[in-house]
Protein backbone atom coordinates (compact mmCIF):
# COMPACT_ATOMS: atom_id res chain seq x y z
CA UNK A 1 -6.91 -25.76 22.69
CA UNK A 2 -8.43 -22.33 22.26
CA UNK A 3 -10.88 -20.17 20.40
CA UNK A 4 -10.27 -17.12 18.22
CA UNK A 5 -13.32 -15.34 16.91
CA UNK A 6 -12.72 -12.23 14.90
CA UNK A 7 -13.75 -9.82 12.23
CA UNK A 8 -10.16 -10.15 11.03
CA UNK A 9 -9.81 -11.82 7.62
CA UNK A 10 -8.53 -15.38 7.68
CA UNK A 11 -6.35 -15.17 10.77
CA UNK A 12 -4.83 -18.61 11.06
CA UNK A 13 -2.46 -20.55 13.22
CA UNK A 14 -3.04 -19.34 16.80
CA UNK A 15 -3.05 -21.91 19.57
CA UNK A 16 -3.48 -21.66 23.32
CA UNK A 17 -2.41 -23.40 26.50
CA UNK A 18 -4.58 -23.57 29.60
CA UNK A 19 -2.52 -20.94 31.41
CA UNK A 20 -3.43 -18.29 28.86
CA UNK A 21 -0.41 -18.71 26.60
CA UNK A 22 -1.19 -17.36 23.15
CA UNK A 23 1.11 -18.15 20.27
CA UNK A 24 0.85 -16.77 16.75
CA UNK A 25 1.22 -19.99 14.80
CA UNK A 26 4.48 -20.66 13.01
CA UNK A 27 5.61 -17.05 12.86
CA UNK A 28 4.51 -13.91 14.70
CA UNK A 29 0.83 -13.66 14.44
CA UNK A 30 -2.32 -14.25 16.33
CA UNK A 31 -4.29 -11.08 15.94
CA UNK A 32 -1.20 -9.26 14.68
CA UNK A 33 0.38 -11.70 12.19
CA UNK A 34 3.94 -10.96 11.27
CA UNK A 35 4.58 -8.30 13.89
CA UNK A 36 6.78 -10.44 16.11
CA UNK A 37 9.04 -13.29 15.04
CA UNK A 38 7.23 -15.50 17.54
CA UNK A 39 4.91 -13.17 19.43
CA UNK A 40 3.26 -14.50 22.57
CA UNK A 41 0.92 -13.51 25.36
CA UNK A 42 1.24 -15.00 28.81
CA UNK A 43 -0.55 -13.91 31.96
CA UNK A 44 -1.67 -10.65 30.39
CA UNK A 45 1.72 -9.66 28.95
CA UNK A 46 2.27 -9.28 25.21
CA UNK A 47 5.78 -9.76 23.87
CA UNK A 48 6.81 -9.58 20.20
CA UNK A 49 10.26 -11.11 19.75
CA UNK A 50 12.06 -9.13 17.06
CA UNK A 51 8.91 -7.09 16.99
CA UNK A 52 7.66 -4.29 14.83
CA UNK A 53 10.36 -2.05 13.48
CA UNK A 54 13.82 -2.64 14.89
CA UNK A 55 13.09 -4.50 18.09
CA UNK A 56 10.05 -2.35 18.70
CA UNK A 57 8.26 -4.90 20.84
CA UNK A 58 5.32 -3.98 23.00
CA UNK A 59 5.29 -5.20 26.59
CA UNK A 60 2.21 -4.94 28.76
CA UNK A 61 -0.80 -6.85 27.54
CA UNK A 62 -4.49 -6.40 28.17
CA UNK A 63 -5.82 -7.99 31.33
CA UNK A 64 -9.01 -9.92 31.91
CA UNK A 65 -12.05 -8.19 30.47
CA UNK A 66 -9.97 -5.96 28.26
CA UNK A 67 -8.63 -3.85 31.12
CA UNK A 68 -5.11 -2.58 31.06
CA UNK A 69 -2.66 -5.15 32.33
CA UNK A 70 -0.64 -2.43 33.97
CA UNK A 71 2.25 -3.22 31.72
CA UNK A 72 4.57 -0.84 29.98
CA UNK A 73 5.46 -0.04 26.40
CA UNK A 74 8.94 -0.50 25.00
CA UNK A 75 9.19 1.43 21.77
CA UNK A 76 12.27 1.70 19.59
CA UNK A 77 12.88 4.10 16.72
CA UNK A 78 11.71 3.52 13.18
CA UNK A 79 11.42 5.24 9.83
CA UNK A 80 14.58 7.24 10.12
CA UNK A 81 14.40 7.81 13.86
CA UNK A 82 10.72 8.59 14.23
CA UNK A 83 8.99 7.10 17.24
CA UNK A 84 6.60 4.22 16.65
CA UNK A 85 3.32 5.22 18.27
CA UNK A 86 2.37 2.07 20.11
CA UNK A 87 -0.57 2.15 22.47
CA UNK A 88 -1.89 -0.54 24.78
CA UNK A 89 -4.86 0.23 27.01
CA UNK A 90 -8.23 -1.40 27.67
CA UNK A 91 -7.54 -4.14 25.16
CA UNK A 92 -6.64 -1.74 22.36
CA UNK A 93 -3.29 -1.14 20.76
CA UNK A 94 -1.68 0.26 17.63
CA UNK A 95 1.42 -1.27 16.08
CA UNK A 96 2.89 0.25 12.95
CA UNK A 97 0.24 0.33 10.25
CA UNK A 98 -1.86 -2.32 11.99
CA UNK A 99 -4.67 -1.30 14.31
CA UNK A 100 -6.33 -3.99 16.43
CA UNK A 101 -8.92 -3.70 19.15
CA UNK A 102 -9.65 -6.70 21.31
CA UNK A 103 -13.09 -6.90 22.85
CA UNK A 104 -11.94 -8.99 25.77
CA UNK A 105 -9.18 -11.33 26.88
CA UNK A 106 -10.11 -14.20 29.12
CA UNK A 107 -7.73 -16.74 30.65
CA UNK A 108 -10.33 -18.77 32.47
CA UNK A 109 -10.17 -22.56 32.25
CA UNK A 110 -8.92 -24.40 29.19
CA UNK A 111 -10.60 -22.12 26.67
CA UNK A 112 -8.97 -18.67 26.64
CA UNK A 113 -10.63 -16.39 24.14
CA UNK A 114 -9.81 -13.23 22.23
CA UNK A 115 -12.58 -11.38 20.42
CA UNK A 116 -11.33 -9.01 17.71
CA UNK A 117 -13.86 -6.29 16.90
CA UNK A 118 -11.78 -4.39 14.39
CA UNK A 119 -8.63 -4.98 12.41
CA UNK A 120 -7.67 -2.20 10.03
CA UNK A 121 -4.66 -1.59 7.83
CA UNK A 122 -3.72 2.00 7.08
CA UNK A 123 -2.32 1.23 3.60
CA UNK A 124 -4.96 -1.25 2.49
CA UNK A 125 -3.01 -4.26 3.74
CA UNK A 126 -4.86 -7.47 4.43
CA UNK A 127 -4.18 -10.89 5.94
CA UNK A 128 -3.30 -13.70 3.54
CA UNK A 129 -3.99 -17.40 4.09
CA UNK A 130 -0.51 -17.89 5.56
CA UNK A 131 -1.42 -15.55 8.43
CA UNK A 132 0.90 -12.76 7.27
CA UNK A 133 0.07 -9.32 5.94
CA UNK A 134 -0.34 -8.86 2.20
CA UNK A 135 -1.19 -6.01 -0.14
CA UNK A 136 -4.83 -5.57 -1.07
CA UNK A 137 -4.43 -5.31 -4.85
CA UNK A 138 -6.74 -5.59 -7.80
CA UNK A 139 -6.26 -7.53 -11.05
CA UNK A 140 -4.24 -4.64 -12.51
CA UNK A 141 -1.30 -5.67 -10.29
CA UNK A 142 -1.14 -8.99 -12.16
CA UNK A 143 -0.68 -7.05 -15.40
CA UNK A 144 2.38 -5.36 -13.88
CA UNK A 145 3.75 -8.63 -12.54
CA UNK A 146 3.31 -10.41 -15.87
CA UNK A 147 6.41 -8.55 -17.04
CA UNK A 148 8.46 -10.27 -14.33
CA UNK A 149 7.12 -13.67 -15.44
CA UNK A 150 7.96 -13.00 -19.09
CA UNK A 151 11.15 -10.97 -18.91
CA UNK A 152 13.11 -12.60 -16.08
CA UNK A 153 13.42 -16.18 -17.48
CA UNK A 154 14.54 -14.83 -20.86
CA UNK A 155 16.99 -12.41 -19.22
CA UNK A 156 18.44 -15.22 -17.12
CA UNK A 157 19.02 -17.25 -20.26
CA UNK A 158 20.64 -14.30 -22.02
CA UNK A 159 23.01 -13.76 -19.07
CA UNK A 160 23.81 -17.40 -18.31
CA UNK A 161 27.52 -16.81 -18.93
CA UNK A 162 27.64 -14.29 -16.09
CA UNK A 163 29.18 -15.63 -12.89
CA UNK A 164 26.62 -13.69 -10.85
CA UNK A 165 23.04 -12.66 -11.58
CA UNK A 166 21.61 -10.39 -8.89
CA UNK A 167 18.01 -9.41 -8.17
CA UNK A 168 17.55 -6.13 -6.29
CA UNK A 169 14.09 -5.04 -5.09
CA UNK A 170 14.30 -1.74 -3.22
CA UNK A 171 10.55 -1.55 -2.40
CA UNK A 172 9.85 -5.26 -2.06
CA UNK A 173 6.66 -5.21 0.04
CA UNK A 174 5.34 -8.19 2.02
CA UNK A 175 5.69 -10.61 -0.90
CA UNK A 176 2.04 -11.46 -1.49
CA UNK A 177 -1.09 -9.74 -2.83
CA UNK A 178 -4.74 -10.44 -2.12
CA UNK A 179 -7.55 -9.35 -4.42
CA UNK A 180 -10.23 -8.96 -1.79
CA UNK A 181 -12.86 -8.12 -4.39
CA UNK A 182 -12.56 -11.55 -6.06
CA UNK A 183 -13.06 -14.14 -3.34
CA UNK A 184 -9.71 -13.36 -1.77
CA UNK A 185 -7.60 -14.46 -4.75
CA UNK A 186 -3.92 -14.50 -3.73
CA UNK A 187 -0.87 -14.02 -5.93
CA UNK A 188 2.83 -13.54 -5.24
CA UNK A 189 4.63 -10.25 -5.64
CA UNK A 190 7.69 -9.57 -7.78
CA UNK A 191 10.28 -10.70 -5.23
CA UNK A 192 8.94 -14.22 -4.72
CA UNK A 193 8.41 -14.66 -8.46
CA UNK A 194 12.00 -13.63 -9.18
CA UNK A 195 13.41 -15.89 -6.47
CA UNK A 196 11.68 -18.90 -8.05
CA UNK A 197 12.55 -18.01 -11.65
CA UNK A 198 14.89 -20.07 -13.83
CA UNK A 199 16.08 -19.96 -17.40
CA UNK A 200 13.68 -21.85 -19.72
CA UNK A 201 16.58 -23.91 -21.09
CA UNK A 202 18.52 -24.56 -17.87
CA UNK A 203 16.89 -24.78 -14.44
CA UNK A 204 20.29 -24.30 -12.84
CA UNK A 205 20.46 -20.81 -14.33
CA UNK A 206 18.76 -18.45 -11.90
CA UNK A 207 19.51 -15.42 -9.79
CA UNK A 208 22.55 -16.23 -7.68
CA UNK A 209 21.99 -13.40 -5.19
CA UNK A 210 19.15 -11.15 -4.13
CA UNK A 211 18.65 -8.09 -1.95
CA UNK A 212 15.14 -7.21 -0.79
CA UNK A 213 14.54 -3.89 0.96
CA UNK A 214 11.54 -2.67 2.93
CA UNK A 215 11.14 0.51 4.95
CA UNK A 216 8.09 -0.86 6.75
CA UNK A 217 9.06 -3.40 9.40
CA UNK A 218 5.78 -5.32 9.10
CA UNK A 219 6.43 -5.82 5.38
CA UNK A 220 10.01 -6.80 6.19
CA UNK A 221 8.88 -9.42 8.73
CA UNK A 222 6.25 -10.87 6.40
CA UNK A 223 8.63 -11.08 3.45
CA UNK A 224 11.35 -12.68 5.58
CA UNK A 225 8.90 -15.35 6.70
CA UNK A 226 7.81 -16.02 3.13
CA UNK A 227 11.38 -16.27 1.82
CA UNK A 228 12.14 -18.74 4.60
CA UNK A 229 9.03 -20.74 3.68
CA UNK A 230 10.09 -20.75 0.02
CA UNK A 231 13.48 -22.05 1.06
CA UNK A 232 11.98 -24.77 3.25
CA UNK A 233 9.75 -25.86 0.34
CA UNK A 234 12.81 -26.22 -1.90
CA UNK A 235 11.57 -23.54 -4.32
CA UNK A 236 14.11 -20.82 -3.51
CA UNK A 237 16.67 -20.80 -6.34
CA UNK A 238 19.49 -18.72 -4.80
CA UNK A 239 21.00 -20.10 -1.62
CA UNK A 240 19.20 -18.70 1.40
CA UNK A 241 22.45 -17.19 2.71
CA UNK A 242 22.68 -15.22 -0.54
CA UNK A 243 19.29 -13.58 -0.07
CA UNK A 244 19.66 -10.43 2.02
CA UNK A 245 16.57 -8.78 3.50
CA UNK A 246 17.09 -5.21 4.71
CA UNK A 247 14.76 -3.11 6.85
CA UNK A 248 15.59 0.45 5.86
CA UNK A 249 15.07 3.36 3.49
CA UNK A 250 15.94 2.34 -0.08
CA UNK A 251 17.29 5.82 -0.81
CA UNK A 252 19.74 5.44 2.08
CA UNK A 253 20.88 1.83 1.58
CA UNK A 254 21.20 1.82 -2.21
CA UNK A 255 24.93 2.59 -2.17
CA UNK A 256 25.59 -0.23 0.29
CA UNK A 257 23.52 -2.61 -1.84
CA UNK A 258 25.33 -1.81 -5.08
CA UNK A 259 28.87 -1.81 -3.67
CA UNK A 260 28.24 -5.34 -2.38
CA UNK A 261 27.61 -6.57 -5.95
CA UNK A 262 30.45 -7.48 -8.30
CA UNK A 263 30.64 -4.90 -11.08
CA UNK A 264 30.72 -7.70 -13.67
CA UNK A 265 27.41 -9.18 -12.49
CA UNK A 266 24.05 -8.88 -14.22
CA UNK A 267 21.77 -6.81 -11.98
CA UNK A 268 17.99 -6.57 -12.34
CA UNK A 269 16.56 -3.77 -10.19
CA UNK A 270 12.87 -3.35 -9.35
CA UNK A 271 11.53 -0.02 -8.04
CA UNK A 272 7.84 -0.71 -7.34
CA UNK A 273 6.98 2.51 -5.55
CA UNK A 274 3.56 3.62 -4.33
CA UNK A 275 4.15 7.39 -4.49
CA UNK A 276 6.75 9.79 -5.98
CA UNK A 277 7.93 10.86 -2.54
CA UNK A 278 9.34 7.37 -1.94
CA UNK A 279 11.96 7.56 -4.70
CA UNK A 280 14.69 10.15 -5.04
CA UNK A 281 16.42 10.77 -8.37
CA UNK A 282 19.69 10.37 -6.48
CA UNK A 283 18.81 6.69 -6.03
CA UNK A 284 18.76 6.16 -9.79
CA UNK A 285 22.08 7.94 -10.01
CA UNK A 286 23.46 5.62 -7.33
CA UNK A 287 22.50 2.58 -9.41
CA UNK A 288 24.78 3.84 -12.19
CA UNK A 289 27.73 5.30 -10.30
CA UNK A 290 29.44 2.15 -9.01
CA UNK A 291 30.77 0.87 -12.33
CA UNK A 292 28.44 -2.07 -13.01
CA UNK A 293 28.50 -3.31 -16.58
CA UNK A 294 24.91 -4.52 -16.80
CA UNK A 295 22.04 -3.03 -14.79
CA UNK A 296 18.44 -3.41 -15.96
CA UNK A 297 15.72 -1.35 -14.32
CA UNK A 298 11.97 -1.99 -13.93
CA UNK A 299 10.22 1.00 -12.37
CA UNK A 300 6.68 2.09 -11.56
CA UNK A 301 5.97 5.56 -12.94
CA UNK A 302 2.92 6.87 -11.00
CA UNK A 303 1.58 9.10 -13.77
CA UNK A 304 -2.18 8.82 -13.32
CA UNK A 305 -2.41 7.78 -9.68
CA UNK A 306 -0.20 10.57 -8.28
CA UNK A 307 1.60 12.89 -10.69
CA UNK A 308 -1.60 14.10 -12.40
CA UNK A 309 -2.99 15.16 -9.03
CA UNK A 310 0.26 16.84 -7.98
CA UNK A 311 0.39 18.75 -11.30
CA UNK A 312 -2.93 20.37 -10.55
CA UNK A 313 -4.42 23.55 -11.99
CA UNK A 314 -4.39 24.89 -8.44
CA UNK A 315 -1.08 26.64 -7.91
CA UNK A 316 -1.28 26.02 -4.17
CA UNK A 317 -1.41 22.25 -4.75
CA UNK A 318 1.51 22.41 -7.15
CA UNK A 319 3.68 24.36 -4.72
CA UNK A 320 2.87 21.94 -1.91
CA UNK A 321 4.18 19.13 -4.11
CA UNK A 322 7.04 21.07 -5.72
CA UNK A 323 9.88 19.74 -3.57
CA UNK A 324 8.70 16.15 -4.03
CA UNK A 325 8.43 16.59 -7.79
CA UNK A 326 11.89 18.13 -8.08
CA UNK A 327 13.39 15.36 -5.95
CA UNK A 328 11.61 12.70 -8.01
CA UNK A 329 12.66 14.12 -11.42
CA UNK A 330 16.04 15.36 -10.19
CA UNK A 331 15.30 18.73 -11.80
CA UNK A 332 12.70 21.47 -11.85
CA UNK A 333 12.35 21.11 -15.63
CA UNK A 334 8.78 19.94 -15.00
CA UNK A 335 7.77 23.54 -14.23
CA UNK A 336 7.92 24.95 -17.79
CA UNK A 337 6.03 21.89 -19.04
CA UNK A 338 3.26 22.66 -16.57
CA UNK A 339 3.12 26.30 -17.61
CA UNK A 340 2.43 25.26 -21.22
CA UNK A 341 -0.87 23.63 -20.23
CA UNK A 342 -3.67 26.14 -20.68
CA UNK A 343 -6.76 23.99 -21.28
CA UNK A 344 -7.95 20.49 -20.38
CA UNK A 345 -7.40 19.53 -23.99
CA UNK A 346 -3.64 19.95 -23.36
CA UNK A 347 -3.58 17.65 -20.33
CA UNK A 348 -2.80 14.63 -22.51
CA UNK A 349 0.17 16.48 -23.99
CA UNK A 350 1.37 17.38 -20.48
CA UNK A 351 1.26 13.74 -19.38
CA UNK A 352 3.23 12.71 -22.45
CA UNK A 353 5.77 15.48 -21.88
CA UNK A 354 6.22 14.55 -18.20
CA UNK A 355 6.83 10.91 -19.12
CA UNK A 356 9.27 11.89 -21.87
CA UNK A 357 11.15 14.14 -19.44
CA UNK A 358 11.69 11.22 -17.11
CA UNK A 359 12.63 8.74 -19.84
CA UNK A 360 15.11 11.14 -21.41
CA UNK A 361 16.77 11.80 -18.06
CA UNK A 362 17.04 8.04 -17.49
CA UNK A 363 18.75 7.68 -20.87
CA UNK A 364 21.14 10.48 -19.93
CA UNK A 365 22.24 8.44 -16.89
CA UNK A 366 23.57 5.73 -19.22
CA UNK A 367 20.56 3.51 -19.85
CA UNK A 368 20.47 3.74 -23.64
CA UNK A 369 17.12 2.00 -23.90
CA UNK A 370 14.21 3.30 -21.82
CA UNK A 371 10.67 2.32 -22.77
CA UNK A 372 7.18 1.86 -21.31
CA UNK A 373 6.42 -1.86 -21.07
CA UNK A 374 3.07 -1.77 -19.28
CA UNK A 375 0.26 0.79 -19.25
CA UNK A 376 -1.60 -0.38 -16.17
CA UNK A 377 -5.27 0.53 -15.87
CA UNK A 378 -8.15 -0.27 -13.61
CA UNK A 379 -11.14 -2.06 -15.10
CA UNK A 380 -11.94 -0.07 -18.22
CA UNK A 381 -9.80 2.80 -19.41
CA UNK A 382 -9.07 4.45 -16.06
CA UNK A 383 -5.30 4.83 -15.95
CA UNK A 384 -3.21 4.02 -12.87
CA UNK A 385 0.49 3.96 -13.68
CA UNK A 386 3.05 2.99 -16.28
CA UNK A 387 5.80 0.43 -15.83
CA UNK A 388 9.08 1.55 -17.34
CA UNK A 389 12.05 -0.59 -18.32
CA UNK A 390 15.60 0.64 -18.90
CA UNK A 391 18.74 -1.15 -20.06
CA UNK A 392 22.09 -0.35 -21.59
CA UNK A 393 22.13 -3.58 -23.58
CA UNK A 394 20.20 -4.19 -26.84
CA UNK A 395 19.35 -7.79 -25.88
CA UNK A 396 17.56 -6.59 -22.77
CA UNK A 397 15.67 -4.04 -24.81
CA UNK A 398 14.58 -6.70 -27.31
CA UNK A 399 13.27 -8.97 -24.55
CA UNK A 400 11.44 -6.10 -22.88
CA UNK A 401 9.95 -4.96 -26.18
CA UNK A 402 8.70 -8.48 -26.83
CA UNK A 403 7.06 -8.55 -23.39
CA UNK A 404 5.55 -5.10 -23.95
CA UNK A 405 3.79 -6.38 -27.06
CA UNK A 406 2.12 -9.32 -25.29
CA UNK A 407 -0.76 -7.38 -23.67
CA UNK A 408 -1.59 -5.76 -27.01
CA UNK A 409 -1.60 -9.12 -28.76
CA UNK A 410 -3.80 -10.55 -26.03
CA UNK A 411 -6.27 -7.66 -26.41
CA UNK A 412 -6.37 -8.23 -30.17
CA UNK A 413 -7.15 -11.91 -29.68
CA UNK A 414 -9.90 -11.01 -27.19
CA UNK A 415 -11.66 -9.10 -29.98
CA UNK A 416 -12.37 -12.33 -31.88
């Protein structure tokens, strides 16, 4: 028995023993859901089994009254060797992107209590009803994900003669989204949708293998837990042993991912980035250089939410972003396009030219068909990003084109 009172959103699952044992429900949790595989606090010591990042557990919990328990920190490397800045003092600690401050920790009697005064996520993450972190996303994310719902079943049917059908998500995220502005509506991300998907004509036709990659260890832990839960519920279509979850940089592991896939397999790759700096052009090249016959690509192109800002009128801003832009496009051919913009009236032409530059370079890599399938906006006409699809097979293009037309048809029907 125990009590957890908090400003944290919907933290669920913690339970306590009389000696002050704090468990995080089914999987790592409590006030830091998903950080540790089990995560526990006993006698003022916090331990996160398989904790944040690669074994980056924190040892040394807060003592009674929020004072330091005199413990120590054990911090392992993360994010390409950087040090995870974990801090534990006076009931306050920082773990990865999660910041949590405990008002006090009491182990007296049968009712140990933790009071959480603040719980903040650096990237806008939030806690879902399963006690794991999720992305705080608006309704526009559902527009992006509708392509997965429409395209994947049809693609599975079109490739049913393939011995292997592989789903690759190099920026998979935690697996769930929460729209905090609409009563906490929750919806699955691309990875979980794809892992449940089947052909409309044959439920036994589904992805046979999947590889899900996350750089952030908290996302990795949350997605692993959700894939396991999907498997336990009998809704995971590939065998669990054929679903690989990797905690690493997509740009570094992409070669390993692709060489593990039979070149005759159908491969559907999702690159759902949040910023241009996350994706190197060399990663797209890697997807094409290992001899695979059929690779389809679904990519977020951050035109309005990032590239417009980076392609500023201020030369100083442009130069600060220049290396990122060149790495993202794989060329500095964006520079002459920028120099052609003289007035605000030409900004629309610049955006079109930047998008065409990227699409044409994708086609030059061997994807004959490269089109925009979603123009994702906030409420109203405020643009966010475009979702781009690429394929070297006409059947894939036809399915994608059909899906691209659905939002327009829906908007036309809404007019009546």
